[in-house]
Structures are given as C-alpha cells and as structure tokens.
Protein backbone atom coordinates (compact mmCIF):
# COMPACT_ATOMS: atom_id res chain seq x y z
CA ARG A 1 44.48 3.95 56.80
CA ASP A 2 43.96 7.73 55.05
CA LEU A 3 44.04 9.86 58.37
CA PRO A 4 43.14 13.37 56.07
CA ALA A 5 40.09 11.39 54.50
CA ASP A 6 39.06 10.09 58.41
CA VAL A 7 39.05 13.62 59.82
CA LYS A 8 37.00 15.22 57.41
CA GLU A 9 34.52 12.37 57.95
CA GLY A 10 34.80 12.95 61.77
CA ARG A 11 36.64 9.05 61.71
CA PHE A 12 39.72 10.73 63.59
CA ARG A 13 40.05 13.54 66.15
CA GLU A 14 41.61 16.76 64.08
CA ASP A 15 43.78 17.80 66.98
CA LEU A 16 45.58 14.62 67.45
CA PHE A 17 46.17 14.26 63.80
CA TYR A 18 47.75 17.76 64.07
CA ARG A 19 49.84 16.66 66.87
CA LEU A 20 50.70 13.63 65.39
CA SER A 21 51.09 15.05 61.97
CA VAL A 22 55.13 16.49 61.50
CA VAL A 23 56.63 14.39 58.83
CA SER A 24 53.75 12.64 56.24
CA LEU A 25 55.20 9.71 54.67
CA GLU A 26 52.68 8.20 51.57
CA LEU A 27 53.32 4.64 51.26
CA PRO A 28 50.81 3.14 48.49
CA PRO A 29 49.05 -0.16 49.30
CA LEU A 30 51.11 -3.44 47.89
CA ARG A 31 48.20 -3.83 45.10
CA ARG A 32 49.86 -0.66 43.33
CA ARG A 33 53.83 -1.22 43.89
CA ARG A 34 53.10 -4.83 42.21
CA SER A 35 57.48 -4.79 41.13
CA ASP A 36 57.84 -4.93 45.41
CA ILE A 37 56.16 -8.34 45.52
CA PRO A 38 58.70 -11.07 44.73
CA LEU A 39 61.67 -8.58 46.68
CA LEU A 40 58.91 -9.29 49.56
CA VAL A 41 58.58 -12.83 48.97
CA GLU A 42 62.45 -13.27 48.99
CA HIS A 43 62.51 -10.97 52.46
CA PHE A 44 59.77 -13.11 54.40
CA THR A 45 61.47 -16.34 53.10
CA ARG A 46 64.50 -15.53 54.20
CA LYS A 47 62.72 -14.48 57.53
CA TYR A 48 61.57 -17.81 57.73
CA ALA A 49 64.21 -19.84 57.28
CA ALA A 50 65.66 -17.79 60.21
CA MET A 51 63.39 -19.38 62.20
CA GLY A 52 63.98 -22.72 61.36
CA GLY A 53 61.94 -23.12 58.52
CA ALA A 54 62.80 -24.43 55.19
CA ALA A 55 63.82 -21.79 52.36
CA LYS A 56 62.06 -22.79 49.24
CA PRO A 57 62.19 -20.99 45.78
CA PHE A 58 58.60 -20.33 44.53
CA SER A 59 57.73 -21.15 41.00
CA ARG A 60 56.92 -18.64 37.97
CA GLU A 61 53.40 -19.82 37.85
CA ALA A 62 53.38 -19.66 41.94
CA MET A 63 55.46 -16.10 41.98
CA ASP A 64 52.76 -14.70 39.00
CA MET A 65 49.66 -15.73 40.90
CA LEU A 66 50.89 -13.51 44.09
CA VAL A 67 52.35 -10.33 41.96
CA ARG A 68 48.17 -10.65 40.08
CA HIS A 69 46.65 -10.90 43.51
CA ASP A 70 45.45 -7.86 45.07
CA TYR A 71 46.04 -8.12 48.71
CA PRO A 72 42.93 -6.32 50.78
CA GLY A 73 45.09 -7.20 53.47
CA ASN A 74 48.30 -5.31 52.10
CA VAL A 75 52.10 -6.80 53.16
CA ARG A 76 50.69 -8.22 56.23
CA GLU A 77 48.63 -10.53 54.20
CA LEU A 78 51.64 -11.20 51.49
CA GLU A 79 54.11 -12.54 54.43
CA ASN A 80 51.22 -15.07 55.86
CA ILE A 81 51.03 -16.48 52.60
CA VAL A 82 54.38 -16.96 52.33
CA GLN A 83 54.95 -18.58 55.37
CA ARG A 84 51.91 -21.07 55.09
CA ALA A 85 53.34 -21.56 51.81
CA LEU A 86 56.50 -22.43 52.72
CA VAL A 87 55.03 -24.94 55.86
CA LEU A 88 52.39 -26.87 53.27
CA ALA A 89 54.93 -27.50 49.97
CA ARG A 90 55.94 -30.66 49.48
CA GLY A 91 58.50 -30.30 47.05
CA GLU A 92 61.35 -28.76 46.00
CA ALA A 93 59.55 -25.55 45.05
CA VAL A 94 56.42 -23.89 46.04
CA VAL A 95 53.99 -24.09 43.29
CA SER A 96 50.77 -22.84 42.81
CA GLY A 97 48.86 -25.43 44.33
CA ASP A 98 50.20 -24.47 47.74
CA LEU A 99 48.78 -20.89 47.68
CA PRO A 100 45.52 -20.42 49.91
CA PRO A 101 42.47 -20.82 47.42
CA ALA A 102 41.95 -16.75 47.45
CA ILE A 103 44.74 -16.84 45.44
CA ARG A 104 43.71 -19.41 42.27
CA ALA A 105 40.17 -18.14 42.40
CA GLY A 106 40.52 -15.91 39.70
CA SER A 107 42.11 -18.60 37.62
CA ILE A 108 39.30 -20.90 38.54
CA GLY A 109 36.49 -18.09 38.48
CA GLY A 110 38.05 -18.11 34.78
CA LEU A 111 37.22 -21.24 34.09
CA LEU A 112 33.94 -21.66 35.71
CA THR A 113 33.10 -18.47 33.86
CA LEU A 114 33.42 -20.45 30.82
CA SER A 115 31.85 -23.14 31.16
CA ALA A 116 28.93 -21.09 32.18
CA ALA A 117 28.99 -19.05 29.06
CA ILE A 118 29.12 -22.24 27.15
CA ALA A 119 26.01 -24.07 29.46
CA TYR A 120 24.07 -21.19 30.25
CA PRO A 121 23.05 -19.88 26.69
CA ALA A 122 21.87 -23.23 25.90
CA VAL A 123 19.13 -23.02 28.69
CA ILE A 124 17.97 -20.28 26.46
CA PHE A 125 18.59 -21.25 23.01
CA THR A 126 16.35 -24.09 22.61
CA GLY A 127 13.92 -25.28 20.43
CA SER A 128 13.63 -23.04 17.47
CA LEU A 129 16.34 -21.15 18.85
CA ALA A 130 18.82 -23.95 19.11
CA GLY A 131 20.62 -22.77 15.95
CA HIS A 132 21.47 -19.25 17.16
CA LEU A 133 23.22 -20.59 20.25
CA GLY A 134 26.32 -19.26 18.84
CA LEU A 135 25.06 -15.67 19.28
CA GLY A 136 24.04 -16.73 22.59
CA ILE A 137 27.50 -17.92 23.92
CA THR A 138 29.42 -15.41 22.37
CA ALA A 139 26.81 -12.72 24.10
CA ALA A 140 27.21 -14.16 27.27
CA LEU A 141 31.39 -13.79 26.82
CA PHE A 142 31.14 -10.38 26.48
CA THR A 143 28.17 -9.86 29.29
CA SER A 144 30.81 -11.97 31.45
CA MET A 145 33.49 -9.82 30.47
CA VAL A 146 31.89 -6.22 31.07
CA LEU A 147 30.33 -7.53 34.80
CA GLY A 148 34.01 -8.95 35.89
CA ALA A 149 35.55 -5.79 34.57
CA VAL A 150 32.87 -3.59 36.44
CA VAL A 151 33.25 -5.53 39.66
CA ALA A 152 36.92 -5.75 39.74
CA CYS A 153 37.10 -1.49 39.12
CA LEU A 154 34.21 -0.51 41.12
CA SER A 155 34.13 -2.89 43.54
CA THR A 156 35.31 -1.46 47.13
CA TYR A 157 36.93 -4.70 48.23
CA PRO A 158 39.87 -5.27 45.68
CA ALA A 159 39.53 -9.17 45.51
CA ALA A 160 35.80 -9.45 44.74
CA ILE A 161 35.08 -11.61 41.22
CA ALA A 162 32.05 -11.94 39.75
CA GLN A 163 29.95 -14.28 37.52
CA ALA A 164 26.77 -14.96 36.10
CA GLN A 165 24.33 -16.91 38.07
CA ILE A 166 22.13 -19.93 36.94
CA GLU A 167 18.62 -18.93 38.20
CA THR A 168 18.34 -16.17 35.99
CA ALA A 169 19.28 -18.35 33.11
CA VAL A 170 16.53 -20.73 33.99
CA VAL A 171 13.80 -18.08 34.38
CA LEU A 172 15.20 -16.29 30.85
CA GLY A 173 14.99 -19.81 29.23
CA ALA A 174 10.90 -20.05 30.26
CA VAL A 175 10.42 -16.93 29.07
CA ALA A 176 12.24 -17.33 25.83
CA VAL A 177 9.93 -20.66 25.36
CA VAL A 178 6.81 -18.66 26.14
CA ILE A 179 8.09 -15.95 23.63
CA THR A 180 9.04 -18.63 20.85
CA GLU A 181 5.37 -20.65 20.99
CA THR A 182 3.42 -16.65 20.92
CA LEU A 183 5.10 -15.76 17.85
CA ASP A 184 5.35 -19.27 16.65
CA THR A 185 4.48 -17.66 13.20
CA ALA A 186 6.72 -14.68 13.01
CA PRO A 187 10.17 -14.96 11.57
CA GLN A 188 12.66 -16.47 13.40
CA GLY A 189 14.43 -13.08 13.09
CA VAL A 190 11.66 -11.25 15.07
CA GLN A 191 12.11 -14.13 17.83
CA VAL A 192 16.02 -13.78 18.37
CA ALA A 193 15.66 -9.83 18.61
CA THR A 194 12.65 -10.37 20.89
CA VAL A 195 14.29 -12.13 23.44
CA LEU A 196 17.80 -10.71 23.37
CA ALA A 197 15.66 -7.61 23.59
CA VAL A 198 13.75 -9.11 26.70
CA ILE A 199 17.34 -10.51 28.49
CA ALA A 200 18.51 -6.70 27.70
CA VAL A 201 15.36 -5.24 29.52
CA ALA A 202 15.65 -7.42 32.62
CA THR A 203 19.17 -7.29 32.81
CA ALA A 204 19.31 -3.21 33.05
CA SER A 205 16.22 -3.55 35.66
CA LEU A 206 17.99 -6.02 37.47
CA GLY A 207 20.91 -3.85 37.76
CA LEU A 208 18.87 -0.98 38.43
CA CYS A 209 17.37 -2.46 41.65
CA PHE A 210 20.52 -3.49 43.17
CA VAL A 211 22.08 0.08 42.37
CA VAL A 212 18.81 1.35 44.57
CA LEU A 213 19.05 -1.17 47.10
CA GLY A 214 22.90 -0.21 47.72
CA ALA A 215 22.43 3.42 47.39
CA PHE A 216 19.72 3.40 50.20
CA ARG A 217 21.63 0.28 52.12
CA LEU A 218 18.75 -2.00 51.97
CA GLY A 219 20.36 -5.50 51.44
CA ASN A 220 19.51 -6.59 54.52
CA VAL A 221 15.83 -6.13 53.24
CA VAL A 222 16.49 -9.73 51.38
CA ARG A 223 16.11 -11.18 54.86
CA TYR A 224 12.07 -10.30 54.96
CA ILE A 225 11.45 -12.71 52.26
CA PRO A 226 9.32 -15.93 53.43
CA PHE A 227 11.12 -18.97 53.51
CA PRO A 228 8.15 -20.93 51.52
CA VAL A 229 8.61 -18.69 48.31
CA ILE A 230 12.87 -19.18 48.74
CA PHE A 231 12.05 -22.44 49.00
CA GLY A 232 9.38 -22.68 45.91
CA PHE A 233 11.72 -20.42 44.24
CA LEU A 234 14.76 -22.72 44.30
CA GLY A 235 12.83 -25.92 43.91
CA TYR A 236 11.44 -24.83 40.53
CA ILE A 237 14.97 -24.00 39.17
CA ALA A 238 15.87 -26.95 39.74
CA TRP A 239 13.42 -28.55 38.56
CA LEU A 240 13.62 -26.44 35.06
CA LEU A 241 17.40 -27.24 35.37
CA ALA A 242 16.62 -30.92 35.43
CA LYS A 243 14.28 -30.60 32.26
CA GLY A 244 16.00 -27.96 30.27
CA GLY A 245 19.34 -30.53 31.07
CA ILE A 246 17.49 -33.96 29.81
CA ALA A 247 15.66 -31.99 26.80
CA THR A 248 19.13 -31.04 25.93
CA VAL A 249 20.90 -34.53 25.78
CA VAL A 250 17.85 -36.21 24.34
CA GLY A 251 16.61 -33.73 22.13
CA TYR A 252 12.99 -33.17 22.61
CA GLU A 253 11.22 -31.59 25.19
CA LEU A 254 10.32 -33.85 28.15
CA GLU A 255 6.63 -34.23 29.14
CA LEU A 256 4.80 -36.90 31.46
CA ALA A 257 3.38 -38.44 28.39
CA ASN A 258 6.56 -39.37 26.85
CA ALA A 259 8.95 -39.90 30.02
CA THR A 260 8.89 -43.73 29.11
CA GLN A 261 11.10 -43.03 26.07
CA LEU A 262 14.13 -42.17 28.14
CA LEU A 263 14.09 -46.11 28.78
CA HIS A 264 14.83 -46.83 24.98
CA PRO A 265 18.11 -47.81 23.89
CA GLU A 266 18.50 -44.34 21.57
CA ALA A 267 17.64 -42.08 24.38
CA LEU A 268 19.50 -43.95 27.36
CA TRP A 269 22.78 -43.41 25.69
CA ARG A 270 22.19 -39.96 25.88
CA TRP A 271 21.36 -38.75 29.29
CA LEU A 272 23.06 -42.04 30.99
CA PRO A 273 26.42 -40.55 30.55
CA PRO A 274 25.65 -37.25 32.02
CA VAL A 275 23.61 -38.40 34.81
CA LEU A 276 26.54 -40.81 36.10
CA LEU A 277 28.99 -37.98 35.61
CA ALA A 278 26.81 -35.88 38.24
CA LEU A 279 26.44 -38.08 40.47
CA GLY A 280 30.69 -39.08 40.17
CA LEU A 281 30.98 -35.36 41.26
CA LEU A 282 28.49 -35.02 43.63
CA ALA A 283 30.34 -38.26 45.31
CA LEU A 284 33.54 -37.13 45.23
CA GLN A 285 32.42 -33.21 46.34
CA LEU A 286 30.77 -35.09 49.85
CA ARG A 287 34.16 -37.40 50.12
CA ARG A 288 36.67 -34.56 49.26
CA ARG A 289 35.57 -30.96 49.03
CA HIS A 290 37.50 -28.68 46.68
CA PHE A 291 37.16 -26.01 44.47
CA PHE A 292 38.98 -27.64 41.83
CA ASN A 293 36.38 -30.66 41.36
CA LEU A 294 34.13 -29.22 38.71
CA PRO A 295 36.47 -27.66 36.71
CA ALA A 296 38.59 -30.87 36.29
CA ALA A 297 35.31 -33.04 36.24
CA LEU A 298 34.06 -30.65 32.99
CA LEU A 299 37.55 -30.85 31.48
CA LEU A 300 38.06 -34.75 31.83
CA ALA A 301 34.38 -35.28 30.59
CA LEU A 302 35.02 -33.34 27.66
CA SER A 303 38.44 -34.41 27.00
CA GLY A 304 36.98 -38.08 27.48
CA PHE A 305 34.19 -37.22 25.38
CA TRP A 306 36.35 -36.15 22.27
CA LEU A 307 38.63 -39.19 22.58
CA ILE A 308 35.60 -41.14 21.91
CA ALA A 309 34.55 -39.40 19.31
CA TRP A 310 37.93 -39.46 17.73
CA LEU A 311 38.24 -43.14 18.19
CA GLY A 312 35.06 -43.98 17.02
CA GLY A 313 35.82 -41.53 13.65
CA ALA A 314 33.06 -39.14 14.20
CA THR A 315 33.11 -35.95 12.62
CA PRO A 316 31.77 -32.65 13.91
CA ALA A 317 28.92 -32.89 11.52
CA THR A 318 27.95 -36.02 12.39
CA LEU A 319 28.06 -35.10 16.08
CA LEU A 320 25.56 -32.43 15.48
CA ASP A 321 22.90 -34.51 13.83
C-alpha cells in the first residue's frame, strides 16, 4: 500500500503513520521487477518440495507466460500459481497448460481478437461493400490494437484485457445496409467513406458516453434498463447475426421469399458445414466447457477447409468466385 497517499486522502491516520515510519523501504510490485520472477519460481518450487511436493522444472513457454503476467495479487499470487501448477502438472515438467486460465488469457484473447477482426467486418462490409472487406479488416486490427493498448495502459486493474464485441458490429452492419441503399446511385468510394465516417462517429460517441459514466460513477444506471428492452435488443442482434451469417456463406440476402432456395444442393453445401460446426461447438461447450474450445474449433475448421481445397486442386481465385 502507498501509505503517504492514504494519509493524504484520509484513509490512514497521519499520527500513526509518523509513529510507525522509522526507516522506509520502497518495494516495487512484482510487475515492475519481472527479472525476479524466475528466481521466485525456483524458490517457491524448492519450498513446495520441502513440504513433500514434487519439484518439477517449468518449461520455457510456461516461464515466459509467468513473466508476462501482471500479478495484481503480487508475490502471494505468484506463489499460489506455482504451487497449483506443481500439483496439477502430470508430466515431467510444468507446461503452459498447467497454468491457470488467467495466465493464458492474453494468448487466447489474441486468437479471439484475430478471428473477430476477420469476422466482424464481414458483417458490415457486405453486398456492394464486399470488395472493401480488406479495408474493414485492416481497420478492425488497428482499432483492436488501440483498444488493447489503452486498456493495458490506463486500466486500474493490471490484468485487464479488452476486445471488440459483436453487438456493435451487427448494429453497424444494419446501418451500412441503410447507407448503401440510400446512396445506391453514388460512387462506391462515397459509400465506403460514409460508412467509415459513421463508424468513427459512433465509436467516438460511445467512448465519450463511457467516459462520462465513469467520471460521474454512473455505471450502475445500466441495471435500470428494462429487461424487455435488453431481451428485444439481444433477440434482434441474434436474428441479424443468423441472417448475415447465412447471407455471407450463400452469397445473397436471405428473405422470406427466397428461403426455400436454401434447400437447393448448391446452397446446401455452403451453409450446412458452418451450421454443423456451430452445433458441434455448442455440444462441446455443454459437455466440456473450456476457454480453448472456440479457438481450437476455428483453427480446426480453417485447417480442414484449406486441406479440402488443396486436395481438390482449388485456387484462391476459384474459391472467391
């Protein structure tokens, strides 16, 4: 604790502070002396072995993850992590999979951010804007980098991570459809510029709203939003996600009039595999809930897709057609 700051803010008695303050030693938090972490890990391993536990070495990958962690619980948190890993490790050494999920959250968050930066722009840049999907992915990657940097540098919780949410992408996708339909006679460059301007204004407005809520400590006002409003919003988001996902894989907008076209063989092989993948992921989550299920399923699906395309002799150009 920073006792001088606590004294200034009235959280610690000033007279007691000066009575106790004879020799002051400043000990920085563990996240500011990361070079000490390997030495502390070795110390806690020997300490646990002296208590009758197994003394196992930590793999390079596991040690790198421990060094990168911010430790809001300081040295005691590191000691608990080391002891837990030594207890749960089944091999001859402690590997990254033996560490708590919080330690691996950065790596998993990076994979999810990468997949989101590809998937979310596809919800916005559809139809006549599909040719500019690369621009959308570039913007998503850049904004994800900015978001992560801001949260890492300014968050009061050192271990906080942040990534984009699909709800805003769906709403912006609906706005993009309205813009392209309204400006259907305008050049495509004007349509893209308008969509990007709307995204920038919406991002700045939402950020300003959060800043105001945080400055006046009004975050709890969210609980006063009626549940039917939240339910309706989430239901509409789910419908737009399903509609946009099907339109992405089959190549045309899904309407009630053309819904029967989904049963045609040409359309069936396009939308059935991702639906089966989603159902498989849902079954996996219900059977064994784990944070790595989604990245593993995405990696497996992409690897299988490109393997089948390679075996079939398909080229990227034919796949785009």
